[in-house]
Every structure is written in structure tokens, then in C-alpha cells.
């Protein structure tokens, strides 16, 4: 297995660490494929939560541009194929995981690195973190889902400003704008993210999966249709053992013991 991505099992949840710290965890072909394997492992093992973070002083600075140089025989690269072969499958794996996916952004998240972070369900960031839509600096457009996610999180005006100017967005501003869930002091980030993963992995797994589905559908449907989606999801959750346990625990005035069934 590639050392560019590390996978640790913590009970019912997995921690995935991008591991090219000397390159600010820039993505190369090996790392794309290793991340895909790690995410597929989370799918296959039915992990009840997933935490993605980066090694060293940055989360991910995007694509490794050292792999491509103007003037060489393979210039210009086919970036449509690159996205379809490497970036987009990983974004789709993250968003299609039934389990909650947490991202702990420990430093810069630039370009596709920001896209990976923002594709996750809950984003936590260190005070030193920043989010940069760096694509325009090299004559490109936001990709790997950023053009879809950003306007929905922060509105079209702020999304356009971030994309056109490539201005770094601090963790404090990202929190204030609603781009992320919470920020923490640098040394508190990983413990907080791991505690959240523990909490979610002990929760009602089927209800979490249905909640993710509903939130994703809401971005592309009307209220009447969404009400129907909610009703079907609620019917499905109501026959789960976790619902029975949750109601019984409420009546017994105790903490529920969810099993994910």
C-alpha cells in the first residue's frame, strides 16, 4: 500500500491522512489512487464515520504542478481526463459514503485540496488554516466540485470573489461565513475531530445516511418533492433497531446505545 495516504482504524471509524508533508500533501497520481483505495475501504468495511486530515503543516495544496511542465512532449495535459480519472471519482466517493465524513483542515487547503475538504460533511479547521481557490492564479477554473459547493455554502457573491481573486480565506472568516463547522486552536484540532468521529460512529448510522441523502437532494429539488423524500426516509428509519433504542432510551431517561442497525 502507498505511504502517500495512511489509514488507521479506530473501532467503527477510519482516519485517512494525506501523507506527503514535504509537498504540503500536493496530489500526484499515486496519492489520488491511494486516497481512492482508502475511501473504497471505508465503503467496503461499512465504517460508521470517516475522518480525513493531512500530515505536517498543511492539509492539501492541490495538484502537484511539478508533474507537469510547459515545453515537454506531453504539454498541454488533458485536464478533463485528469479530473475524470483521478479527482472526480474521489469526490464522488466522499459524497456517496453513507457514513458522516469529517475533514480536519490543519493548514492550507488550496485548489483541489479545498475541494476535497468542502466535499466532506463536516469541516473543522485549525486557527492557522486557510482556504484558497487558487485555480485562477494559473489560468484555470474551480474544479473537483468547488464551483458547485461554494455558491451553496457562502452565496454567489462571496463564491465569485473567492474564485476570481484567489484570496486566501482564514479559518475565522470561513467559520463566520458558514463555510465550515468550527475552528479550533491548532493543537486542539485533531483531538476535537477524533472526538467528533467517535461521537458520530456511536450514533444512528441509518439516520445519518438518510440525513446526508436528504441534504444532497435538497440542493436540486423543490419543497413538495423534498417533503416526499423526508417521509420516505422517515419511514425507513422508523423500522430500524436504532429508532426503537432511541425511543426506549428517551422513555428510560438514559443515553441510547445505537448499533447502526
Protein backbone atom coordinates (compact mmCIF):
# COMPACT_ATOMS: atom_id res chain seq x y z
CA UNK A 1 0.00 0.00 0.00
CA UNK A 2 1.21 3.51 -0.83
CA UNK A 3 2.63 5.57 2.03
CA UNK A 4 1.18 8.75 0.49
CA UNK A 5 -2.11 8.05 2.30
CA UNK A 6 -2.29 6.47 5.74
CA UNK A 7 -5.34 4.65 7.06
CA UNK A 8 -5.95 3.97 10.76
CA UNK A 9 -8.85 2.03 12.23
CA UNK A 10 -10.41 3.41 15.41
CA UNK A 11 -13.13 0.97 16.37
CA UNK A 12 -16.01 1.62 13.96
CA UNK A 13 -14.42 4.58 12.16
CA UNK A 14 -11.43 5.24 9.91
CA UNK A 15 -8.89 8.04 9.90
CA UNK A 16 -7.40 8.85 6.48
CA UNK A 17 -4.27 11.01 6.49
CA UNK A 18 -2.83 12.62 3.36
CA UNK A 19 0.87 11.96 3.78
CA UNK A 20 3.21 13.99 1.59
CA UNK A 21 4.07 16.61 4.22
CA UNK A 22 7.22 17.75 2.41
CA UNK A 23 4.98 18.76 -0.53
CA UNK A 24 2.13 20.18 1.59
CA UNK A 25 0.29 16.98 0.65
CA UNK A 26 0.03 18.00 -3.00
CA UNK A 27 -1.78 15.40 -5.05
CA UNK A 28 0.02 13.22 -7.58
CA UNK A 29 -1.25 10.14 -9.40
CA UNK A 30 -0.07 7.75 -6.68
CA UNK A 31 -1.78 9.78 -3.99
CA UNK A 32 -5.06 10.04 -5.93
CA UNK A 33 -5.19 6.27 -6.27
CA UNK A 34 -4.20 5.69 -2.64
CA UNK A 35 -6.95 8.05 -1.47
CA UNK A 36 -9.42 6.21 -3.68
CA UNK A 37 -8.38 2.89 -2.13
CA UNK A 38 -8.78 4.33 1.37
CA UNK A 39 -12.24 5.72 0.64
CA UNK A 40 -13.28 2.46 -1.00
CA UNK A 41 -12.09 0.63 2.11
CA UNK A 42 -14.39 2.83 4.20
CA UNK A 43 -17.26 1.87 1.87
CA UNK A 44 -16.42 -1.83 1.92
CA UNK A 45 -15.96 -2.01 5.69
CA UNK A 46 -19.17 -0.04 6.32
CA UNK A 47 -17.26 2.41 8.51
CA UNK A 48 -19.64 4.37 10.71
CA UNK A 49 -17.58 7.57 10.38
CA UNK A 50 -14.55 8.76 8.42
CA UNK A 51 -12.03 11.46 9.32
CA UNK A 52 -9.76 12.97 6.64
CA UNK A 53 -6.79 15.14 7.60
CA UNK A 54 -3.28 15.98 6.45
CA UNK A 55 0.18 15.25 7.80
CA UNK A 56 2.51 18.10 8.64
CA UNK A 57 1.76 21.81 8.40
CA UNK A 58 -0.83 21.73 5.62
CA UNK A 59 -3.97 19.85 4.66
CA UNK A 60 -3.53 19.74 0.88
CA UNK A 61 -2.14 22.36 -1.51
CA UNK A 62 -3.91 20.88 -4.54
CA UNK A 63 -2.42 19.22 -7.59
CA UNK A 64 1.35 18.74 -7.70
CA UNK A 65 2.32 21.03 -10.57
CA UNK A 66 5.82 19.56 -10.55
CA UNK A 67 4.35 16.66 -12.53
CA UNK A 68 3.60 18.97 -15.48
CA UNK A 69 5.96 21.35 -17.23
CA UNK A 70 5.32 23.55 -20.29
CA UNK A 71 7.53 22.72 -23.24
CA UNK A 72 7.64 18.99 -22.59
CA UNK A 73 6.32 16.41 -25.03
CA UNK A 74 3.09 15.81 -23.12
CA UNK A 75 2.17 19.51 -22.81
CA UNK A 76 -0.61 20.62 -22.66
CA UNK A 77 -2.16 17.99 -20.40
CA UNK A 78 -5.72 16.77 -20.90
CA UNK A 79 -7.16 18.13 -17.66
CA UNK A 80 -10.66 16.88 -18.46
CA UNK A 81 -9.30 13.35 -18.47
CA UNK A 82 -7.27 14.03 -15.33
CA UNK A 83 -10.37 15.21 -13.49
CA UNK A 84 -12.49 12.31 -14.71
CA UNK A 85 -9.81 9.71 -13.95
CA UNK A 86 -8.47 10.95 -10.62
CA UNK A 87 -10.17 13.90 -8.91
CA UNK A 88 -13.86 13.36 -9.56
CA UNK A 89 -14.02 9.68 -8.51
CA UNK A 90 -12.65 10.62 -5.09
CA UNK A 91 -15.11 13.49 -4.65
CA UNK A 92 -17.95 11.13 -5.58
CA UNK A 93 -16.69 8.51 -3.12
CA UNK A 94 -16.62 11.09 -0.32
CA UNK A 95 -20.13 12.37 -1.02
CA UNK A 96 -21.61 8.89 -1.56
CA UNK A 97 -20.30 7.40 1.67
CA UNK A 98 -23.33 6.65 3.87
CA UNK A 99 -21.31 7.45 6.98
CA UNK A 100 -20.52 11.01 8.08
CA UNK A 101 -17.22 12.27 6.66
CA UNK A 102 -15.30 14.77 8.78
CA UNK A 103 -12.41 16.87 7.50
CA UNK A 104 -9.81 18.34 9.86
CA UNK A 105 -8.05 21.10 7.92
CA UNK A 106 -4.67 21.58 9.53
CA UNK A 107 -3.19 24.44 7.49
CA UNK A 108 -3.60 25.42 3.87
CA UNK A 109 -6.33 23.83 1.74
CA UNK A 110 -5.77 25.16 -1.77
CA UNK A 111 -7.24 24.34 -5.16
CA UNK A 112 -8.47 20.77 -5.27
CA UNK A 113 -7.32 20.41 -1.65
CA UNK A 114 -10.06 22.85 -0.69
CA UNK A 115 -12.47 20.91 -2.91
CA UNK A 116 -11.74 17.68 -1.04
CA UNK A 117 -12.23 19.40 2.31
CA UNK A 118 -15.50 21.05 1.32
CA UNK A 119 -16.90 17.81 -0.14
CA UNK A 120 -16.90 16.39 3.40
CA UNK A 121 -19.98 16.58 5.61
CA UNK A 122 -18.41 18.48 8.49
CA UNK A 123 -15.29 20.61 8.18
CA UNK A 124 -13.23 21.53 11.22
CA UNK A 125 -10.24 23.85 10.83
CA UNK A 126 -7.23 24.94 12.82
CA UNK A 127 -6.85 28.65 13.53
CA UNK A 128 -3.87 28.62 11.16
CA UNK A 129 -5.87 27.05 8.32
CA UNK A 130 -6.79 28.86 5.14
CA UNK A 131 -8.93 28.03 2.13
CA UNK A 132 -7.74 29.21 -1.28
CA UNK A 133 -9.49 28.90 -4.63
CA UNK A 134 -6.09 29.11 -6.28
CA UNK A 135 -7.18 27.99 -9.75
CA UNK A 136 -7.28 31.45 -11.33
CA UNK A 137 -3.63 32.00 -10.41
CA UNK A 138 -2.66 29.50 -13.10
CA UNK A 139 -5.44 30.25 -15.58
CA UNK A 140 -7.91 27.55 -14.56
CA UNK A 141 -11.46 27.35 -13.20
CA UNK A 142 -12.58 25.89 -9.85
CA UNK A 143 -12.90 22.13 -10.19
CA UNK A 144 -13.41 18.91 -8.23
CA UNK A 145 -16.80 20.25 -7.16
CA UNK A 146 -15.79 23.70 -5.89
CA UNK A 147 -17.96 25.58 -8.39
CA UNK A 148 -20.96 23.60 -7.11
CA UNK A 149 -20.20 23.64 -3.39
CA UNK A 150 -19.00 27.21 -2.83
CA UNK A 151 -22.11 29.13 -4.02
CA UNK A 152 -24.32 26.85 -1.96
CA UNK A 153 -22.25 27.42 1.18
CA UNK A 154 -21.43 31.12 1.04
CA UNK A 155 -23.61 32.60 -1.73
CA UNK A 156 -22.75 33.58 -5.28
CA UNK A 157 -21.16 36.95 -4.43
CA UNK A 158 -18.62 35.53 -2.00
CA UNK A 159 -18.03 32.41 -4.10
CA UNK A 160 -17.31 34.54 -7.17
CA UNK A 161 -14.96 36.77 -5.22
CA UNK A 162 -13.00 33.83 -3.82
CA UNK A 163 -12.76 32.21 -7.26
CA UNK A 164 -11.77 35.29 -9.25
CA UNK A 165 -9.27 36.79 -6.80
CA UNK A 166 -7.86 33.59 -5.27
CA UNK A 167 -7.83 35.45 -1.96
CA UNK A 168 -6.98 33.19 0.99
CA UNK A 169 -9.91 32.79 3.38
CA UNK A 170 -8.90 32.44 7.01
CA UNK A 171 -10.40 29.82 9.30
CA UNK A 172 -12.06 32.60 11.30
CA UNK A 173 -13.75 34.02 8.21
CA UNK A 174 -14.65 30.54 6.93
CA UNK A 175 -16.42 29.89 10.22
CA UNK A 176 -18.16 33.28 10.18
CA UNK A 177 -19.30 32.76 6.57
CA UNK A 178 -20.71 29.29 7.30
CA UNK A 179 -18.21 27.51 5.07
CA UNK A 180 -17.05 25.23 7.89
CA UNK A 181 -18.50 23.79 11.08
CA UNK A 182 -16.00 25.01 13.69
CA UNK A 183 -12.42 26.16 14.18
CA UNK A 184 -10.01 25.23 16.95
CA UNK A 185 -6.61 26.16 18.26
CA UNK A 186 -4.05 24.28 16.22
CA UNK A 187 -3.13 21.72 18.88
CA UNK A 188 -6.79 21.08 19.71
CA UNK A 189 -7.93 20.36 16.14
CA UNK A 190 -7.12 16.67 15.78
CA UNK A 191 -8.35 15.65 19.26
CA UNK A 192 -11.60 17.52 18.59
CA UNK A 193 -12.02 15.88 15.19
CA UNK A 194 -11.32 12.43 16.61
CA UNK A 195 -13.79 13.01 19.44
CA UNK A 196 -16.41 14.01 16.87
CA UNK A 197 -15.67 10.87 14.84
CA UNK A 198 -16.12 8.79 18.00
CA UNK A 199 -19.44 10.52 18.68
CA UNK A 200 -20.79 10.06 15.17
CA UNK A 201 -19.60 6.45 14.93
CA UNK A 202 -21.72 5.74 18.01
CA UNK A 203 -24.78 7.38 16.53
CA UNK A 204 -27.79 6.19 14.49
CA UNK A 205 -25.96 5.21 11.31
CA UNK A 206 -29.02 4.72 9.11
CA UNK A 207 -30.46 8.07 10.16
CA UNK A 208 -27.13 9.78 9.40
CA UNK A 209 -27.04 8.20 5.94
CA UNK A 210 -30.61 9.30 5.26
CA UNK A 211 -29.84 12.80 6.51
CA UNK A 212 -26.91 13.05 4.07
CA UNK A 213 -29.15 11.91 1.23
CA UNK A 214 -31.83 14.45 2.12
CA UNK A 215 -29.36 17.33 2.32
CA UNK A 216 -27.92 16.41 -1.06
CA UNK A 217 -31.37 16.12 -2.66
CA UNK A 218 -32.40 19.48 -1.20
CA UNK A 219 -29.91 21.30 -3.41
CA UNK A 220 -31.70 20.22 -6.55
CA UNK A 221 -35.40 19.81 -5.76
CA UNK A 222 -38.48 21.75 -4.67
CA UNK A 223 -40.19 21.73 -1.28
CA UNK A 224 -43.03 19.38 -2.26
CA UNK A 225 -40.59 16.80 -3.58
CA UNK A 226 -38.36 17.21 -0.56
CA UNK A 227 -41.29 16.59 1.78
CA UNK A 228 -41.89 13.31 -0.03
CA UNK A 229 -38.20 12.38 0.30
CA UNK A 230 -38.35 13.13 4.03
CA UNK A 231 -41.45 11.00 4.51
CA UNK A 232 -39.88 8.00 2.76
CA UNK A 233 -36.65 8.40 4.70
CA UNK A 234 -38.53 8.66 7.99
CA UNK A 235 -40.49 5.50 7.21
CA UNK A 236 -37.23 3.65 6.59
CA UNK A 237 -35.60 4.95 9.78
CA UNK A 238 -38.66 4.04 11.84
CA UNK A 239 -38.16 0.32 11.22
CA UNK A 240 -34.52 0.41 12.34
CA UNK A 241 -33.40 -1.01 15.65
CA UNK A 242 -31.75 2.32 16.39
CA UNK A 243 -35.12 4.10 16.35
CA UNK A 244 -36.54 1.58 18.80
CA UNK A 245 -33.48 2.02 21.00
CA UNK A 246 -33.63 5.81 20.77
CA UNK A 247 -37.27 5.99 21.85
CA UNK A 248 -36.79 3.44 24.63
CA UNK A 249 -33.74 5.30 25.91
CA UNK A 250 -35.71 8.55 25.94
CA UNK A 251 -38.50 6.91 27.95
CA UNK A 252 -35.97 5.31 30.30
CA UNK A 253 -34.12 8.64 30.69
CA UNK A 254 -30.78 7.10 29.67
CA UNK A 255 -28.23 7.53 26.90
CA UNK A 256 -29.14 5.45 23.83
CA UNK A 257 -26.81 2.66 22.72
CA UNK A 258 -27.03 2.79 18.94
CA UNK A 259 -25.64 -0.12 16.96
CA UNK A 260 -26.10 1.19 13.43
CA UNK A 261 -28.85 -1.33 12.67
